[in-house]
PDB file of all heavy atoms in Angstrom:
ATOM      1  N   ALA A   1       0.840  -1.248  -0.092  1.00  0.00           N
ATOM      2  CA  ALA A   1      -0.103  -0.117   0.020  1.00  0.00           C
ATOM      3  C   ALA A   1       0.779   1.202   0.021  1.00  0.00           C
ATOM      4  O   ALA A   1       0.527   2.188  -0.633  1.00  0.00           O
ATOM      5  CB  ALA A   1      -0.941   0.056   1.193  1.00  0.00           C
ATOM      6  N   ALA A   2       1.975   1.166   0.610  1.00  0.00           N
ATOM      7  CA  ALA A   2       2.902   2.377   0.733  1.00  0.00           C
ATOM      8  C   ALA A   2       3.349   2.689  -0.673  1.00  0.00           C
ATOM      9  O   ALA A   2       3.722   3.789  -0.979  1.00  0.00           O
ATOM     10  CB  ALA A   2       4.067   2.086   1.707  1.00  0.00           C
ATOM     11  N   GLU A   3       3.500   1.714  -1.524  1.00  0.00           N
ATOM     12  CA  GLU A   3       4.095   2.027  -2.876  1.00  0.00           C
ATOM     13  C   GLU A   3       3.010   2.398  -3.891  1.00  0.00           C
ATOM     14  O   GLU A   3       3.263   3.186  -4.796  1.00  0.00           O
ATOM     15  CB  GLU A   3       4.806   0.746  -3.442  1.00  0.00           C
ATOM     16  CG  GLU A   3       5.966   0.243  -2.567  1.00  0.00           C
ATOM     17  CD  GLU A   3       6.532  -0.977  -3.064  1.00  0.00           C
ATOM     18  OE1 GLU A   3       6.004  -1.556  -4.060  1.00  0.00           O
ATOM     19  OE2 GLU A   3       7.586  -1.427  -2.518  1.00  0.00           O
ATOM     20  N   SER A   4       1.763   1.970  -3.598  1.00  0.00           N
ATOM     21  CA  SER A   4       0.729   2.221  -4.546  1.00  0.00           C
ATOM     22  C   SER A   4      -0.037   3.525  -4.279  1.00  0.00           C
ATOM     23  O   SER A   4      -0.516   4.028  -5.206  1.00  0.00           O
ATOM     24  CB  SER A   4      -0.246   1.017  -4.657  1.00  0.00           C
ATOM     25  OG  SER A   4      -0.807   0.786  -3.424  1.00  0.00           O
ATOM     26  N   LYS A   5       0.030   3.941  -2.979  1.00  0.00           N
ATOM     27  CA  LYS A   5      -0.811   5.208  -2.756  1.00  0.00           C
ATOM     28  C   LYS A   5       0.246   6.204  -2.210  1.00  0.00           C
ATOM     29  O   LYS A   5       1.177   5.853  -1.379  1.00  0.00           O
ATOM     30  CB  LYS A   5      -1.774   4.763  -1.699  1.00  0.00           C
ATOM     31  CG  LYS A   5      -2.846   3.926  -2.237  1.00  0.00           C
ATOM     32  CD  LYS A   5      -4.097   3.705  -1.368  1.00  0.00           C
ATOM     33  CE  LYS A   5      -5.110   2.798  -1.823  1.00  0.00           C
ATOM     34  NZ  LYS A   5      -6.195   2.600  -0.934  1.00  0.00           N
ATOM     35  N   PRO A   6       0.069   7.412  -2.395  1.00  0.00           N
ATOM     36  CA  PRO A   6       1.005   8.472  -1.785  1.00  0.00           C
ATOM     37  C   PRO A   6       0.790   8.527  -0.306  1.00  0.00           C
ATOM     38  O   PRO A   6      -0.316   8.542   0.263  1.00  0.00           O
ATOM     39  CB  PRO A   6       0.524   9.743  -2.553  1.00  0.00           C
ATOM     40  CG  PRO A   6      -1.066   9.476  -2.934  1.00  0.00           C
ATOM     41  CD  PRO A   6      -0.905   8.064  -3.229  1.00  0.00           C
ATOM     42  N   THR A   7       1.935   8.764   0.343  1.00  0.00           N
ATOM     43  CA  THR A   7       1.790   8.894   1.809  1.00  0.00           C
ATOM     44  C   THR A   7       1.594  10.372   2.204  1.00  0.00           C
ATOM     45  O   THR A   7       1.892  11.240   1.511  1.00  0.00           O
ATOM     46  CB  THR A   7       3.309   8.566   2.366  1.00  0.00           C
ATOM     47  OG1 THR A   7       4.212   9.293   1.787  1.00  0.00           O
ATOM     48  CG2 THR A   7       3.548   7.062   2.178  1.00  0.00           C
ATOM     49  N   PRO A   8       0.888  10.527   3.270  1.00  0.00           N
ATOM     50  CA  PRO A   8       0.609  11.897   3.687  1.00  0.00           C
ATOM     51  C   PRO A   8       1.800  12.515   4.186  1.00  0.00           C
ATOM     52  O   PRO A   8       2.836  12.026   4.474  1.00  0.00           O
ATOM     53  CB  PRO A   8      -0.526  11.660   4.978  1.00  0.00           C
ATOM     54  CG  PRO A   8      -0.130  10.276   5.490  1.00  0.00           C
ATOM     55  CD  PRO A   8       0.246   9.517   4.290  1.00  0.00           C
ATOM     56  N   PRO A   9       1.761  13.874   4.005  1.00  0.00           N
ATOM     57  CA  PRO A   9       3.019  14.774   4.408  1.00  0.00           C
ATOM     58  C   PRO A   9       3.150  14.730   5.874  1.00  0.00           C
ATOM     59  O   PRO A   9       2.370  14.605   6.734  1.00  0.00           O
ATOM     60  CB  PRO A   9       2.572  16.172   4.002  1.00  0.00           C
ATOM     61  CG  PRO A   9       1.015  16.110   3.913  1.00  0.00           C
ATOM     62  CD  PRO A   9       0.693  14.851   3.556  1.00  0.00           C
ATOM     63  N   LYS A  10       4.484  14.785   6.277  1.00  0.00           N
ATOM     64  CA  LYS A  10       4.959  14.691   7.630  1.00  0.00           C
ATOM     65  C   LYS A  10       4.480  16.068   8.399  1.00  0.00           C
ATOM     66  O   LYS A  10       4.511  17.052   7.743  1.00  0.00           O
ATOM     67  CB  LYS A  10       6.302  14.562   7.722  1.00  0.00           C
ATOM     68  CG  LYS A  10       6.836  13.214   7.148  1.00  0.00           C
ATOM     69  CD  LYS A  10       8.334  13.045   7.345  1.00  0.00           C
ATOM     70  CE  LYS A  10       8.816  11.706   6.715  1.00  0.00           C
ATOM     71  NZ  LYS A  10      10.295  11.596   6.930  1.00  0.00           N
ATOM     72  N   PRO A  11       3.965  15.845   9.546  1.00  0.00           N
ATOM     73  CA  PRO A  11       3.646  17.139  10.273  1.00  0.00           C
ATOM     74  C   PRO A  11       4.940  18.102  10.568  1.00  0.00           C
ATOM     75  O   PRO A  11       6.083  17.562  10.624  1.00  0.00           O
ATOM     76  CB  PRO A  11       3.133  16.720  11.740  1.00  0.00           C
ATOM     77  CG  PRO A  11       3.776  15.336  11.757  1.00  0.00           C
ATOM     78  CD  PRO A  11       3.928  14.756  10.381  1.00  0.00           C
ATOM     79  N   PRO A  12       4.790  19.407  10.604  1.00  0.00           N
ATOM     80  CA  PRO A  12       6.029  20.229  10.808  1.00  0.00           C
ATOM     81  C   PRO A  12       6.639  20.078  12.158  1.00  0.00           C
ATOM     82  O   PRO A  12       5.872  19.745  13.097  1.00  0.00           O
ATOM     83  CB  PRO A  12       5.311  21.714  10.652  1.00  0.00           C
ATOM     84  CG  PRO A  12       3.855  21.441  10.981  1.00  0.00           C
ATOM     85  CD  PRO A  12       3.550  20.147  10.467  1.00  0.00           C
ATOM     86  N   LYS A  13       7.886  20.297  12.207  1.00  0.00           N
ATOM     87  CA  LYS A  13       8.638  20.203  13.485  1.00  0.00           C
ATOM     88  C   LYS A  13       8.212  21.353  14.386  1.00  0.00           C
ATOM     89  O   LYS A  13       8.024  22.503  13.871  1.00  0.00           O
ATOM     90  CB  LYS A  13      10.121  20.170  13.214  1.00  0.00           C
ATOM     91  CG  LYS A  13      10.615  18.883  12.457  1.00  0.00           C
ATOM     92  CD  LYS A  13      12.163  18.955  12.448  1.00  0.00           C
ATOM     93  CE  LYS A  13      12.477  17.676  11.661  1.00  0.00           C
ATOM     94  NZ  LYS A  13      14.004  17.671  11.407  1.00  0.00           N
ATOM     95  N   PRO A  14       8.075  21.163  15.649  1.00  0.00           N
ATOM     96  CA  PRO A  14       7.872  22.330  16.565  1.00  0.00           C
ATOM     97  C   PRO A  14       8.977  23.376  16.637  1.00  0.00           C
ATOM     98  O   PRO A  14      10.076  22.994  16.417  1.00  0.00           O
ATOM     99  CB  PRO A  14       7.669  21.596  17.929  1.00  0.00           C
ATOM    100  CG  PRO A  14       8.442  20.326  17.750  1.00  0.00           C
ATOM    101  CD  PRO A  14       8.351  20.051  16.422  1.00  0.00           C
ATOM    102  N   PRO A  15       8.649  24.522  16.858  1.00  0.00           N
ATOM    103  CA  PRO A  15       9.738  25.644  16.875  1.00  0.00           C
ATOM    104  C   PRO A  15      10.696  25.428  18.048  1.00  0.00           C
ATOM    105  O   PRO A  15      10.242  24.943  19.097  1.00  0.00           O
ATOM    106  CB  PRO A  15       8.926  26.944  16.957  1.00  0.00           C
ATOM    107  CG  PRO A  15       7.606  26.587  17.606  1.00  0.00           C
ATOM    108  CD  PRO A  15       7.418  25.254  16.967  1.00  0.00           C
ATOM    109  N   ALA A  16      11.966  25.863  17.862  1.00  0.00           N
ATOM    110  CA  ALA A  16      12.834  25.736  18.931  1.00  0.00           C
ATOM    111  C   ALA A  16      12.594  26.824  20.063  1.00  0.00           C
ATOM    112  O   ALA A  16      11.898  27.802  19.838  1.00  0.00           O
ATOM    113  CB  ALA A  16      14.290  25.995  18.513  1.00  0.00           C
ATOM    114  N   PRO A  17      12.994  26.418  21.328  1.00  0.00           N
ATOM    115  CA  PRO A  17      12.699  27.449  22.381  1.00  0.00           C
ATOM    116  C   PRO A  17      13.362  28.809  22.096  1.00  0.00           C
ATOM    117  O   PRO A  17      14.327  28.847  21.450  1.00  0.00           O
ATOM    118  CB  PRO A  17      13.369  26.832  23.609  1.00  0.00           C
ATOM    119  CG  PRO A  17      13.450  25.225  23.246  1.00  0.00           C
ATOM    120  CD  PRO A  17      13.680  25.331  21.746  1.00  0.00           C
ATOM    121  N   PRO A  18      12.790  29.894  22.710  1.00  0.00           N
ATOM    122  CA  PRO A  18      13.281  31.225  22.338  1.00  0.00           C
ATOM    123  C   PRO A  18      14.667  31.425  22.755  1.00  0.00           C
ATOM    124  O   PRO A  18      15.422  32.179  22.250  1.00  0.00           O
ATOM    125  CB  PRO A  18      12.332  32.193  23.103  1.00  0.00           C
ATOM    126  CG  PRO A  18      11.129  31.340  23.307  1.00  0.00           C
ATOM    127  CD  PRO A  18      11.478  29.875  23.314  1.00  0.00           C
ATOM    128  N   SER A  19      15.060  30.810  24.152  1.00  0.00           N
ATOM    129  CA  SER A  19      16.357  31.125  24.618  1.00  0.00           C
ATOM    130  C   SER A  19      17.401  30.439  23.934  1.00  0.00           C
ATOM    131  O   SER A  19      18.597  30.738  24.011  1.00  0.00           O
ATOM    132  CB  SER A  19      16.407  30.614  25.950  1.00  0.00           C
ATOM    133  OG  SER A  19      15.972  29.213  26.110  1.00  0.00           O
ATOM    134  N   ALA A  20      17.017  29.344  23.114  1.00  0.00           N
ATOM    135  CA  ALA A  20      18.146  28.555  22.366  1.00  0.00           C
ATOM    136  C   ALA A  20      18.474  29.086  21.147  1.00  0.00           C
ATOM    137  O   ALA A  20      17.582  29.673  20.391  1.00  0.00           O
ATOM    138  CB  ALA A  20      17.691  27.069  22.194  1.00  0.00           C
ATOM    139  N   LYS A  21      19.657  29.129  20.703  1.00  0.00           N
ATOM    140  CA  LYS A  21      20.154  29.592  19.471  1.00  0.00           C
ATOM    141  C   LYS A  21      19.874  28.591  18.395  1.00  0.00           C
ATOM    142  O   LYS A  21      20.330  27.392  18.473  1.00  0.00           O
ATOM    143  CB  LYS A  21      21.737  29.925  19.534  1.00  0.00           C
ATOM    144  CG  LYS A  21      22.089  31.092  20.456  1.00  0.00           C
ATOM    145  CD  LYS A  21      23.384  31.347  20.331  1.00  0.00           C
ATOM    146  CE  LYS A  21      23.875  32.531  21.212  1.00  0.00           C
ATOM    147  NZ  LYS A  21      25.358  32.891  21.039  1.00  0.00           N
ATOM    148  N   THR A  22      19.073  29.035  17.493  1.00  0.00           N
ATOM    149  CA  THR A  22      18.797  28.118  16.489  1.00  0.00           C
ATOM    150  C   THR A  22      19.558  28.249  15.176  1.00  0.00           C
ATOM    151  O   THR A  22      19.836  29.444  14.919  1.00  0.00           O
ATOM    152  CB  THR A  22      17.157  28.167  16.051  1.00  0.00           C
ATOM    153  OG1 THR A  22      16.989  29.472  15.731  1.00  0.00           O
ATOM    154  CG2 THR A  22      16.389  27.808  17.428  1.00  0.00           C
ATOM    155  N   ILE A  23      19.859  27.301  14.543  1.00  0.00           N
ATOM    156  CA  ILE A  23      20.532  27.377  13.285  1.00  0.00           C
ATOM    157  C   ILE A  23      19.428  27.070  12.103  1.00  0.00           C
ATOM    158  O   ILE A  23      18.754  26.064  12.267  1.00  0.00           O
ATOM    159  CB  ILE A  23      21.704  26.379  13.105  1.00  0.00           C
ATOM    160  CG1 ILE A  23      22.690  26.662  14.268  1.00  0.00           C
ATOM    161  CG2 ILE A  23      22.338  26.480  11.759  1.00  0.00           C
ATOM    162  CD1 ILE A  23      23.805  25.642  14.275  1.00  0.00           C
ATOM    163  N   GLU A  24      19.390  27.976  11.174  1.00  0.00           N
ATOM    164  CA  GLU A  24      18.339  27.831  10.142  1.00  0.00           C
ATOM    165  C   GLU A  24      18.606  26.440   9.506  1.00  0.00           C
ATOM    166  O   GLU A  24      19.656  26.206   8.877  1.00  0.00           O
ATOM    167  CB  GLU A  24      18.397  28.936   9.241  1.00  0.00           C
ATOM    168  CG  GLU A  24      17.446  28.940   8.120  1.00  0.00           C
ATOM    169  CD  GLU A  24      17.480  30.097   7.211  1.00  0.00           C
ATOM    170  OE1 GLU A  24      18.350  30.992   7.438  1.00  0.00           O
ATOM    171  OE2 GLU A  24      16.646  30.164   6.190  1.00  0.00           O
ATOM    172  N   ALA A  25      17.671  25.660   9.534  1.00  0.00           N
ATOM    173  CA  ALA A  25      17.785  24.252   8.837  1.00  0.00           C
ATOM    174  C   ALA A  25      17.540  24.472   7.370  1.00  0.00           C
ATOM    175  O   ALA A  25      16.884  25.225   6.913  1.00  0.00           O
ATOM    176  CB  ALA A  25      16.606  23.357   9.454  1.00  0.00           C
ATOM    177  N   GLU A  26      18.374  23.657   6.830  1.00  0.00           N
ATOM    178  CA  GLU A  26      18.276  23.582   5.313  1.00  0.00           C
ATOM    179  C   GLU A  26      17.226  22.869   4.927  1.00  0.00           C
ATOM    180  O   GLU A  26      16.742  21.924   5.525  1.00  0.00           O
ATOM    181  CB  GLU A  26      19.637  22.977   4.782  1.00  0.00           C
ATOM    182  CG  GLU A  26      20.936  23.684   5.013  1.00  0.00           C
ATOM    183  CD  GLU A  26      22.167  22.941   4.396  1.00  0.00           C
ATOM    184  OE1 GLU A  26      21.753  21.895   3.782  1.00  0.00           O
ATOM    185  OE2 GLU A  26      23.147  23.545   4.507  1.00  0.00           O
ATOM    186  N   PRO A  27      16.525  23.254   3.793  1.00  0.00           N
ATOM    187  CA  PRO A  27      15.356  22.462   3.411  1.00  0.00           C
ATOM    188  C   PRO A  27      15.609  21.032   3.079  1.00  0.00           C
ATOM    189  O   PRO A  27      16.722  20.717   2.492  1.00  0.00           O
ATOM    190  CB  PRO A  27      14.865  23.254   2.051  1.00  0.00           C
ATOM    191  CG  PRO A  27      16.155  24.047   1.611  1.00  0.00           C
ATOM    192  CD  PRO A  27      16.901  24.361   2.933  1.00  0.00           C
ATOM    193  N   GLU A  28      14.671  20.195   3.321  1.00  0.00           N
ATOM    194  CA  GLU A  28      14.899  18.779   3.075  1.00  0.00           C
ATOM    195  C   GLU A  28      15.052  18.605   1.573  1.00  0.00           C
ATOM    196  O   GLU A  28      14.457  19.115   0.807  1.00  0.00           O
ATOM    197  CB  GLU A  28      13.682  17.982   3.588  1.00  0.00           C
ATOM    198  CG  GLU A  28      13.498  17.935   5.111  1.00  0.00           C
ATOM    199  CD  GLU A  28      12.409  17.102   5.562  1.00  0.00           C
ATOM    200  OE1 GLU A  28      11.845  16.451   4.704  1.00  0.00           O
ATOM    201  OE2 GLU A  28      12.087  16.944   6.795  1.00  0.00           O
ATOM    202  N   THR A  29      16.020  17.629   1.238  1.00  0.00           N
ATOM    203  CA  THR A  29      16.306  17.361  -0.096  1.00  0.00           C
ATOM    204  C   THR A  29      15.128  16.480  -0.581  1.00  0.00           C
ATOM    205  O   THR A  29      14.305  16.019   0.179  1.00  0.00           O
ATOM    206  CB  THR A  29      17.542  16.577  -0.221  1.00  0.00           C
ATOM    207  OG1 THR A  29      17.481  15.328   0.592  1.00  0.00           O
ATOM    208  CG2 THR A  29      18.755  17.527   0.227  1.00  0.00           C
ATOM    209  N   SER A  30      15.167  16.252  -1.788  1.00  0.00           N
ATOM    210  CA  SER A  30      14.149  15.378  -2.466  1.00  0.00           C
ATOM    211  C   SER A  30      14.440  13.911  -2.391  1.00  0.00           C
ATOM    212  O   SER A  30      13.849  13.157  -3.179  1.00  0.00           O
ATOM    213  CB  SER A  30      13.867  15.807  -3.973  1.00  0.00           C
ATOM    214  OG  SER A  30      15.149  15.558  -4.550  1.00  0.00           O
ATOM    215  N   ALA A  31      15.272  13.469  -1.349  1.00  0.00           N
ATOM    216  CA  ALA A  31      15.657  12.100  -1.353  1.00  0.00           C
ATOM    217  C   ALA A  31      14.541  11.250  -0.891  1.00  0.00           C
ATOM    218  O   ALA A  31      14.412  10.103  -1.239  1.00  0.00           O
ATOM    219  CB  ALA A  31      16.926  11.971  -0.369  1.00  0.00           C
ATOM    220  N   ASP A  32      13.750  11.946   0.024  1.00  0.00           N
ATOM    221  CA  ASP A  32      12.612  11.238   0.680  1.00  0.00           C
ATOM    222  C   ASP A  32      11.489  11.134  -0.480  1.00  0.00           C
ATOM    223  O   ASP A  32      10.660  10.197  -0.411  1.00  0.00           O
ATOM    224  CB  ASP A  32      12.054  11.901   1.864  1.00  0.00           C
ATOM    225  CG  ASP A  32      12.897  11.933   2.875  1.00  0.00           C
ATOM    226  OD1 ASP A  32      13.880  11.070   3.035  1.00  0.00           O
ATOM    227  OD2 ASP A  32      12.908  12.796   3.865  1.00  0.00           O
ATOM    228  N   ALA A  33      11.342  11.997  -1.335  1.00  0.00           N
ATOM    229  CA  ALA A  33      10.392  11.970  -2.418  1.00  0.00           C
ATOM    230  C   ALA A  33      10.788  10.959  -3.400  1.00  0.00           C
ATOM    231  O   ALA A  33      11.900  11.180  -4.033  1.00  0.00           O
ATOM    232  CB  ALA A  33      10.158  13.289  -2.914  1.00  0.00           C
ATOM    233  N   ALA A  34       9.923  10.079  -3.832  1.00  0.00           N
ATOM    234  CA  ALA A  34      10.256   9.072  -4.828  1.00  0.00           C
ATOM    235  C   ALA A  34      10.390   9.659  -6.269  1.00  0.00           C
ATOM    236  O   ALA A  34       9.471  10.581  -6.523  1.00  0.00           O
ATOM    237  CB  ALA A  34       9.243   7.953  -4.745  1.00  0.00           C
ATOM    238  N   GLU A  35      11.389   9.319  -6.851  1.00  0.00           N
ATOM    239  CA  GLU A  35      11.520   9.851  -8.236  1.00  0.00           C
ATOM    240  C   GLU A  35      10.530   9.262  -9.249  1.00  0.00           C
ATOM    241  O   GLU A  35      10.264   8.025  -9.118  1.00  0.00           O
ATOM    242  CB  GLU A  35      12.863   9.562  -8.752  1.00  0.00           C
ATOM    243  CG  GLU A  35      13.083  10.159 -10.216  1.00  0.00           C
ATOM    244  CD  GLU A  35      14.438   9.720 -10.701  1.00  0.00           C
ATOM    245  OE1 GLU A  35      15.281   9.029  -9.963  1.00  0.00           O
ATOM    246  OE2 GLU A  35      14.904  10.119 -11.817  1.00  0.00           O
ATOM    247  N   PHE A  36       9.911  10.115  -9.982  1.00  0.00           N
ATOM    248  CA  PHE A  36       8.707   9.546 -10.836  1.00  0.00           C
ATOM    249  C   PHE A  36       9.532   8.794 -11.984  1.00  0.00           C
ATOM    250  O   PHE A  36      10.259   9.276 -12.739  1.00  0.00           O
ATOM    251  CB  PHE A  36       7.957  10.641 -11.547  1.00  0.00           C
ATOM    252  CG  PHE A  36       6.823  10.190 -12.451  1.00  0.00           C
ATOM    253  CD1 PHE A  36       5.663   9.822 -11.916  1.00  0.00           C
ATOM    254  CD2 PHE A  36       7.016  10.108 -13.728  1.00  0.00           C
ATOM    255  CE1 PHE A  36       4.676   9.403 -12.650  1.00  0.00           C
ATOM    256  CE2 PHE A  36       6.092   9.673 -14.560  1.00  0.00           C
ATOM    257  CZ  PHE A  36       4.815   9.393 -14.093  1.00  0.00           C
ATOM    258  N   VAL A  37       9.066   7.350 -12.078  1.00  0.00           N
ATOM    259  CA  VAL A  37       9.472   6.580 -13.183  1.00  0.00           C
ATOM    260  C   VAL A  37       8.387   6.169 -14.053  1.00  0.00           C
ATOM    261  O   VAL A  37       7.387   5.538 -13.480  1.00  0.00           O
ATOM    262  CB  VAL A  37      10.242   5.418 -12.565  1.00  0.00           C
ATOM    263  CG1 VAL A  37      10.659   4.465 -13.835  1.00  0.00           C
ATOM    264  CG2 VAL A  37      11.363   5.782 -11.813  1.00  0.00           C
ATOM    265  N   LEU A  38       8.425   6.630 -15.298  1.00  0.00           N
ATOM    266  CA  LEU A  38       7.158   6.363 -16.134  1.00  0.00           C
ATOM    267  C   LEU A  38       6.817   4.937 -16.170  1.00  0.00           C
ATOM    268  O   LEU A  38       5.705   4.505 -16.098  1.00  0.00           O
ATOM    269  CB  LEU A  38       7.477   6.845 -17.639  1.00  0.00           C
ATOM    270  CG  LEU A  38       6.328   6.642 -18.600  1.00  0.00           C
ATOM    271  CD1 LEU A  38       5.044   7.309 -18.167  1.00  0.00           C
ATOM    272  CD2 LEU A  38       6.825   7.130 -19.975  1.00  0.00           C
TER     273      LEU A  38
END
């Protein structure tokens, strides 16, 4: 079923605490997204 039907998007990560220094996360690469093969 995981191969035949698209999986729902993952929920967004919670924001970091205000006191902690956060490093801007790089956008996720498309490795998780399956490449379309005709």
